[in-house]
Amino acid sequence: MTNKLDQLKTMTTVVADTGDLDAIAQWRPQDATTNPSLLLKAAASDAYRPMLDNAIMMATRQGGSSADQLTLATDMLAVLAGKEILELIPGVVSTEVDARLSFDTAATLKRARRIIELYDQQGVDTSRVLIKIASTWEGILAAEQLEKEGIRCNLTLLFSFVQAVACAQAGAHLISPFVGRILDWHLANSGRDSYPSEEDPGVQSVTRIYNYYKAHGFNTVVMGASFRNTGEIEMLAGCDRLTISPALLQQLQDDNGPLTQKLKAETAASSDVIGPVDEKLFRWESNEDAMATEKLADGIRRFSADQIELENQVRQQANAA
């Protein structure tokens, strides 16, 4: 019998949840997804040093204020990293908009368009790039407009059913519901120290979203993310895509047990009935979901902090040049 990773690849598109070029080259996933936290870790590696120097040089040539050059350099670093990643994989790469813009639709649109322009200037086929945006109301509005412009989006930091429905209604190409962070919240607030995989709240959330999308004919891709263990991954076998860290990819590869497909589009059923999601409904349902409210805010803060630290590294490198 083949290992569980190979079995999973027959049911689900496997995505590498890393910015480490060596790890991507080793695992050869279909797609790859990055975020400020992953880029921050990767930027400290020797492989990223030439890209960092090149990004600083390009931003300096553009002129403008030091703040403008700094944000351009970090965007450029993400683009250069994405370009390198695309040379290693056959599919797409996700590049994230600055999380500090999560509540500003116009600013998100401006940065997303610039990222796509930077990829185009590097000779990259921009149809292979997904713009990653937090699933706030403002972020979903930005994604809706970008999709109309032919710029495909990955809506991230997704924790609630109403977020998922709003994303699908907006025509988002892909969503990234965070399995492990949902589990984290429930462990911290339930008094329990574990959940069986089939009762894992993150697994149940993604299963509900997947079944709703398939039962109601939404084309938005569901990509489970932020896994804490292989049990969560196995319970979501059959999901459209799963983005998995190298450590968990290794565990799956080392396991030769049987893997059963849990999610199937042709048998998906959903009892959920929800009409058009407007801003009032979105904010009310979000307010009623303490887990989603807290984890969305926490995720934005974490990504923002890592973005700031990445900028600090870029500034230090620029000053040392």
Protein backbone atom coordinates (compact mmCIF):
# COMPACT_ATOMS: atom_id res chain seq x y z
CA MET A 1 0.00 0.00 0.00
CA THR A 2 1.24 3.49 -0.79
CA ASN A 3 1.81 6.00 1.99
CA LYS A 4 -0.94 8.33 3.16
CA LEU A 5 0.51 11.36 1.38
CA ASP A 6 0.38 9.60 -1.98
CA GLN A 7 -3.13 8.36 -1.22
CA LEU A 8 -4.20 11.89 -0.25
CA LYS A 9 -2.92 13.27 -3.55
CA THR A 10 -5.38 11.03 -5.41
CA MET A 11 -8.28 12.70 -3.55
CA THR A 12 -7.13 16.25 -2.86
CA THR A 13 -4.78 18.84 -4.33
CA VAL A 14 -1.89 19.11 -1.84
CA VAL A 15 -0.47 22.58 -1.26
CA ALA A 16 2.77 23.35 0.62
CA ASP A 17 2.26 25.71 3.54
CA THR A 18 5.77 27.14 3.54
CA GLY A 19 8.01 29.75 1.97
CA ASP A 20 11.10 27.53 2.32
CA LEU A 21 12.40 26.93 -1.19
CA ASP A 22 14.26 23.75 -0.21
CA ALA A 23 11.11 22.29 1.36
CA ILE A 24 9.05 23.14 -1.73
CA ALA A 25 11.68 21.56 -3.97
CA GLN A 26 11.63 18.45 -1.78
CA TRP A 27 7.87 17.99 -1.60
CA ARG A 28 6.93 19.21 -5.09
CA PRO A 29 3.34 20.18 -4.26
CA GLN A 30 0.84 21.31 -6.87
CA ASP A 31 0.56 24.80 -5.33
CA ALA A 32 2.17 26.82 -2.56
CA THR A 33 0.84 29.41 -0.14
CA THR A 34 2.81 32.00 1.80
CA ASN A 35 2.06 34.65 4.42
CA PRO A 36 4.13 37.28 6.30
CA SER A 37 4.97 34.78 9.05
CA LEU A 38 6.36 32.25 6.57
CA LEU A 39 8.25 34.93 4.61
CA LEU A 40 9.73 36.28 7.83
CA LYS A 41 11.18 32.86 8.64
CA ALA A 42 12.36 32.31 5.07
CA ALA A 43 13.99 35.76 4.79
CA ALA A 44 16.57 34.72 7.38
CA SER A 45 17.83 31.93 5.10
CA ASP A 46 20.73 32.15 2.66
CA ALA A 47 18.40 31.28 -0.22
CA TYR A 48 16.46 34.49 0.29
CA ARG A 49 19.46 36.83 0.72
CA PRO A 50 19.85 37.61 -3.03
CA MET A 51 16.10 38.23 -3.31
CA LEU A 52 16.18 40.56 -0.31
CA ASP A 53 19.09 42.55 -1.76
CA ASN A 54 17.38 42.71 -5.15
CA ALA A 55 14.08 43.88 -3.62
CA ILE A 56 15.83 46.67 -1.73
CA MET A 57 17.69 47.78 -4.85
CA MET A 58 14.50 47.86 -6.95
CA ALA A 59 12.60 49.81 -4.30
CA THR A 60 15.43 52.34 -3.93
CA ARG A 61 15.45 52.95 -7.67
CA GLN A 62 11.76 53.81 -7.56
CA GLY A 63 12.46 56.71 -5.21
CA GLY A 64 9.78 58.23 -3.01
CA SER A 65 9.68 58.42 0.75
CA SER A 66 11.54 55.94 2.92
CA ALA A 67 8.18 54.50 4.06
CA ASP A 68 7.06 54.01 0.44
CA GLN A 69 10.36 52.33 -0.42
CA LEU A 70 10.04 50.03 2.57
CA THR A 71 6.56 48.79 1.69
CA LEU A 72 7.58 48.40 -1.94
CA ALA A 73 10.65 46.40 -0.93
CA THR A 74 8.59 43.97 1.16
CA ASP A 75 6.06 43.56 -1.65
CA MET A 76 8.93 43.04 -4.07
CA LEU A 77 10.46 40.40 -1.80
CA ALA A 78 7.15 38.53 -1.71
CA VAL A 79 6.94 38.70 -5.50
CA LEU A 80 10.52 37.53 -6.05
CA ALA A 81 9.88 34.67 -3.62
CA GLY A 82 6.67 33.83 -5.44
CA LYS A 83 8.50 33.81 -8.75
CA GLU A 84 11.10 31.36 -7.40
CA ILE A 85 8.35 29.16 -5.96
CA LEU A 86 6.50 29.08 -9.28
CA GLU A 87 9.62 27.69 -10.93
CA LEU A 88 9.39 24.71 -8.58
CA ILE A 89 5.66 23.93 -8.80
CA PRO A 90 3.18 23.43 -11.67
CA GLY A 91 0.30 25.35 -10.09
CA VAL A 92 -0.26 28.66 -8.34
CA VAL A 93 1.25 30.63 -5.47
CA SER A 94 -0.62 32.83 -3.00
CA THR A 95 0.87 36.21 -2.09
CA GLU A 96 -0.64 38.15 0.81
CA VAL A 97 -1.67 41.78 1.01
CA ASP A 98 -0.41 43.65 4.10
CA ALA A 99 -2.73 42.62 6.96
CA ARG A 100 -2.74 46.20 8.25
CA LEU A 101 -5.02 47.00 5.31
CA SER A 102 -7.62 44.41 6.34
CA PHE A 103 -10.28 47.04 7.09
CA ASP A 104 -9.58 49.29 4.08
CA THR A 105 -11.09 48.12 0.79
CA ALA A 106 -9.54 50.85 -1.36
CA ALA A 107 -6.04 50.37 0.08
CA THR A 108 -6.32 46.59 -0.32
CA LEU A 109 -7.27 47.01 -3.96
CA LYS A 110 -4.33 49.34 -4.56
CA ARG A 111 -1.79 46.98 -2.99
CA ALA A 112 -3.26 43.90 -4.69
CA ARG A 113 -3.04 45.55 -8.10
CA ARG A 114 0.55 46.60 -7.39
CA ILE A 115 1.51 43.05 -6.45
CA ILE A 116 0.06 41.76 -9.71
CA GLU A 117 1.85 44.53 -11.62
CA LEU A 118 5.15 43.59 -9.96
CA TYR A 119 4.66 39.95 -10.94
CA ASP A 120 3.92 41.03 -14.50
CA GLN A 121 7.10 43.11 -14.58
CA GLN A 122 9.01 39.99 -13.56
CA GLY A 123 7.59 38.11 -16.53
CA VAL A 124 5.35 35.90 -14.41
CA ASP A 125 2.05 34.63 -15.78
CA THR A 126 -0.26 36.42 -13.34
CA SER A 127 -2.97 33.80 -13.79
CA ARG A 128 -0.69 31.66 -11.59
CA VAL A 129 -0.88 34.15 -8.71
CA LEU A 130 -3.59 34.30 -6.05
CA ILE A 131 -3.90 37.48 -4.02
CA LYS A 132 -4.35 36.56 -0.38
CA ILE A 133 -6.67 38.80 1.65
CA ALA A 134 -8.11 38.55 5.15
CA SER A 135 -11.80 37.58 5.20
CA THR A 136 -13.05 40.80 6.75
CA TRP A 137 -16.09 42.50 5.23
CA GLU A 138 -13.77 45.05 3.61
CA GLY A 139 -11.46 42.32 2.35
CA ILE A 140 -14.34 40.39 0.80
CA LEU A 141 -15.51 43.54 -1.01
CA ALA A 142 -11.99 44.02 -2.36
CA ALA A 143 -11.85 40.41 -3.52
CA GLU A 144 -15.19 40.76 -5.29
CA GLN A 145 -13.83 43.68 -7.32
CA LEU A 146 -10.50 42.00 -8.03
CA GLU A 147 -12.23 38.85 -9.27
CA LYS A 148 -14.20 41.03 -11.74
CA GLU A 149 -10.85 42.36 -12.97
CA GLY A 150 -9.54 38.84 -13.53
CA ILE A 151 -7.33 38.82 -10.43
CA ARG A 152 -8.01 35.62 -8.51
CA CYS A 153 -8.12 35.76 -4.73
CA ASN A 154 -7.46 33.55 -1.72
CA LEU A 155 -9.59 34.67 1.25
CA THR A 156 -7.65 33.77 4.37
CA LEU A 157 -8.16 33.96 8.15
CA LEU A 158 -11.57 32.38 7.68
CA PHE A 159 -13.15 30.96 10.83
CA SER A 160 -16.93 31.22 10.44
CA PHE A 161 -19.70 29.97 8.23
CA VAL A 162 -20.93 33.48 7.43
CA GLN A 163 -17.46 34.43 6.22
CA ALA A 164 -17.49 31.41 3.92
CA VAL A 165 -20.94 32.18 2.51
CA ALA A 166 -20.05 35.84 1.93
CA CYS A 167 -16.85 34.83 0.12
CA ALA A 168 -18.71 32.44 -2.16
CA GLN A 169 -21.42 34.99 -2.92
CA ALA A 170 -18.67 37.51 -3.78
CA GLY A 171 -17.22 35.07 -6.32
CA ALA A 172 -13.93 34.48 -4.51
CA HIS A 173 -11.76 31.93 -6.26
CA LEU A 174 -10.60 30.21 -3.06
CA ILE A 175 -11.01 30.30 0.71
CA SER A 176 -8.60 29.13 3.42
CA PRO A 177 -10.54 28.09 6.54
CA PHE A 178 -8.14 27.69 9.47
CA VAL A 179 -8.68 24.29 11.05
CA GLY A 180 -6.01 24.31 13.75
CA ARG A 181 -6.68 27.80 15.06
CA ILE A 182 -10.34 26.91 15.53
CA LEU A 183 -9.23 23.88 17.54
CA ASP A 184 -6.85 26.09 19.57
CA TRP A 185 -9.71 28.36 20.63
CA HIS A 186 -11.96 25.50 21.68
CA LEU A 187 -9.20 23.83 23.68
CA ALA A 188 -8.53 27.11 25.46
CA ASN A 189 -12.21 27.78 26.20
CA SER A 190 -13.82 24.37 26.68
CA GLY A 191 -11.81 22.96 29.57
CA ARG A 192 -10.87 19.99 27.39
CA ASP A 193 -7.32 19.01 26.53
CA SER A 194 -8.12 17.17 23.30
CA TYR A 195 -10.78 16.26 20.74
CA PRO A 196 -11.07 13.07 18.68
CA SER A 197 -10.38 13.96 15.05
CA GLU A 198 -14.00 13.37 14.03
CA GLU A 199 -15.16 15.82 16.73
CA ASP A 200 -12.47 18.42 16.04
CA PRO A 201 -14.31 21.79 15.75
CA GLY A 202 -12.02 22.92 12.92
CA VAL A 203 -12.68 19.74 10.96
CA GLN A 204 -16.43 20.12 11.51
CA SER A 205 -16.31 23.75 10.34
CA VAL A 206 -14.55 22.95 7.06
CA THR A 207 -16.77 19.92 6.45
CA ARG A 208 -19.87 22.09 6.87
CA ILE A 209 -18.51 24.72 4.44
CA TYR A 210 -17.45 22.12 1.87
CA ASN A 211 -20.83 20.39 1.91
CA TYR A 212 -22.68 23.72 1.67
CA TYR A 213 -20.64 24.86 -1.32
CA LYS A 214 -21.05 21.60 -3.20
CA ALA A 215 -24.75 21.19 -2.37
CA HIS A 216 -25.52 24.76 -3.53
CA GLY A 217 -23.30 24.82 -6.60
CA PHE A 218 -20.71 27.38 -5.52
CA ASN A 219 -17.46 27.19 -7.48
CA THR A 220 -15.26 28.69 -4.76
CA VAL A 221 -12.43 26.30 -3.89
CA VAL A 222 -12.20 25.14 -0.27
CA MET A 223 -8.62 24.81 0.97
CA GLY A 224 -8.28 23.65 4.56
CA ALA A 225 -5.33 25.28 6.33
CA SER A 226 -3.51 25.62 9.65
CA PHE A 227 -3.40 21.98 10.72
CA ARG A 228 -2.25 20.82 14.14
CA ASN A 229 -2.03 17.09 13.41
CA THR A 230 -2.45 14.54 10.64
CA GLY A 231 -5.76 13.38 12.11
CA GLU A 232 -7.34 16.66 11.03
CA ILE A 233 -5.95 16.21 7.53
CA GLU A 234 -7.23 12.65 7.26
CA MET A 235 -10.72 13.71 8.30
CA LEU A 236 -10.74 16.23 5.43
CA ALA A 237 -9.39 13.88 2.75
CA GLY A 238 -11.30 14.73 -0.41
CA CYS A 239 -11.49 18.47 0.28
CA ASP A 240 -10.65 20.52 -2.83
CA ARG A 241 -7.24 21.48 -1.49
CA LEU A 242 -5.32 21.17 1.76
CA THR A 243 -2.30 23.36 2.55
CA ILE A 244 0.07 21.38 4.77
CA SER A 245 3.31 22.19 6.55
CA PRO A 246 6.47 20.21 5.67
CA ALA A 247 6.48 18.54 9.11
CA LEU A 248 2.99 17.11 8.60
CA LEU A 249 3.75 16.20 4.98
CA GLN A 250 6.61 14.08 6.35
CA GLN A 251 4.34 12.38 8.87
CA LEU A 252 1.86 11.50 6.14
CA GLN A 253 4.62 10.16 3.93
CA ASP A 254 5.95 7.99 6.76
CA ASP A 255 2.52 6.43 7.40
CA ASN A 256 1.62 3.45 5.20
CA GLY A 257 -1.84 2.88 6.65
CA PRO A 258 -5.05 3.12 4.61
CA LEU A 259 -6.65 6.53 3.99
CA THR A 260 -10.41 6.86 3.45
CA GLN A 261 -11.89 9.71 1.43
CA LYS A 262 -14.21 11.61 3.78
CA LEU A 263 -15.49 14.44 1.55
CA LYS A 264 -17.08 13.88 -1.85
CA ALA A 265 -18.75 16.52 -4.00
CA GLU A 266 -21.20 14.06 -5.52
CA THR A 267 -22.65 13.04 -2.15
CA ALA A 268 -22.44 16.41 -0.39
CA ALA A 269 -25.62 17.48 1.41
CA SER A 270 -26.39 20.55 3.50
CA SER A 271 -29.33 21.63 5.62
CA ASP A 272 -28.00 25.20 5.88
CA VAL A 273 -30.21 27.83 4.28
CA ILE A 274 -28.89 31.39 4.09
CA GLY A 275 -29.86 34.22 1.76
CA PRO A 276 -27.74 37.06 0.44
CA VAL A 277 -25.17 38.19 3.00
CA ASP A 278 -25.07 41.96 3.37
CA GLU A 279 -22.88 43.95 5.73
CA LYS A 280 -25.44 44.01 8.55
CA LEU A 281 -25.92 40.25 8.51
CA PHE A 282 -22.18 39.63 8.18
CA ARG A 283 -21.33 41.82 11.16
CA TRP A 284 -24.17 40.43 13.30
CA GLU A 285 -23.33 36.79 12.63
CA SER A 286 -19.64 37.56 13.22
CA ASN A 287 -20.51 39.27 16.50
CA GLU A 288 -22.46 36.19 17.61
CA ASP A 289 -19.46 33.91 16.99
CA ALA A 290 -16.93 34.62 19.72
CA MET A 291 -14.40 32.14 18.37
CA ALA A 292 -14.42 33.62 14.86
CA THR A 293 -14.31 37.20 16.12
CA GLU A 294 -11.39 36.54 18.44
CA LYS A 295 -9.37 34.39 16.02
CA LEU A 296 -9.84 36.79 13.09
CA ALA A 297 -8.62 39.71 15.19
CA ASP A 298 -5.76 37.62 16.58
CA GLY A 299 -4.75 36.44 13.11
CA ILE A 300 -4.66 39.97 11.73
CA ARG A 301 -2.57 41.12 14.70
CA ARG A 302 -0.13 38.23 14.24
CA PHE A 303 0.30 38.77 10.51
CA SER A 304 0.64 42.53 11.06
CA ALA A 305 3.33 42.00 13.69
CA ASP A 306 5.27 39.69 11.38
CA GLN A 307 4.89 42.18 8.52
CA ILE A 308 6.37 44.90 10.74
CA GLU A 309 9.23 42.61 11.78
CA LEU A 310 9.86 41.76 8.11
CA GLU A 311 10.03 45.49 7.35
CA ASN A 312 12.50 45.91 10.20
CA GLN A 313 14.72 43.24 8.67
CA VAL A 314 14.50 44.90 5.28
CA ARG A 315 15.36 48.28 6.82
CA GLN A 316 18.36 46.86 8.66
CA GLN A 317 19.62 45.20 5.51
CA ALA A 318 19.15 48.38 3.49
CA ASN A 319 21.04 50.43 6.09
CA ALA A 320 23.88 47.92 6.14
CA ALA A 321 24.28 47.99 2.37
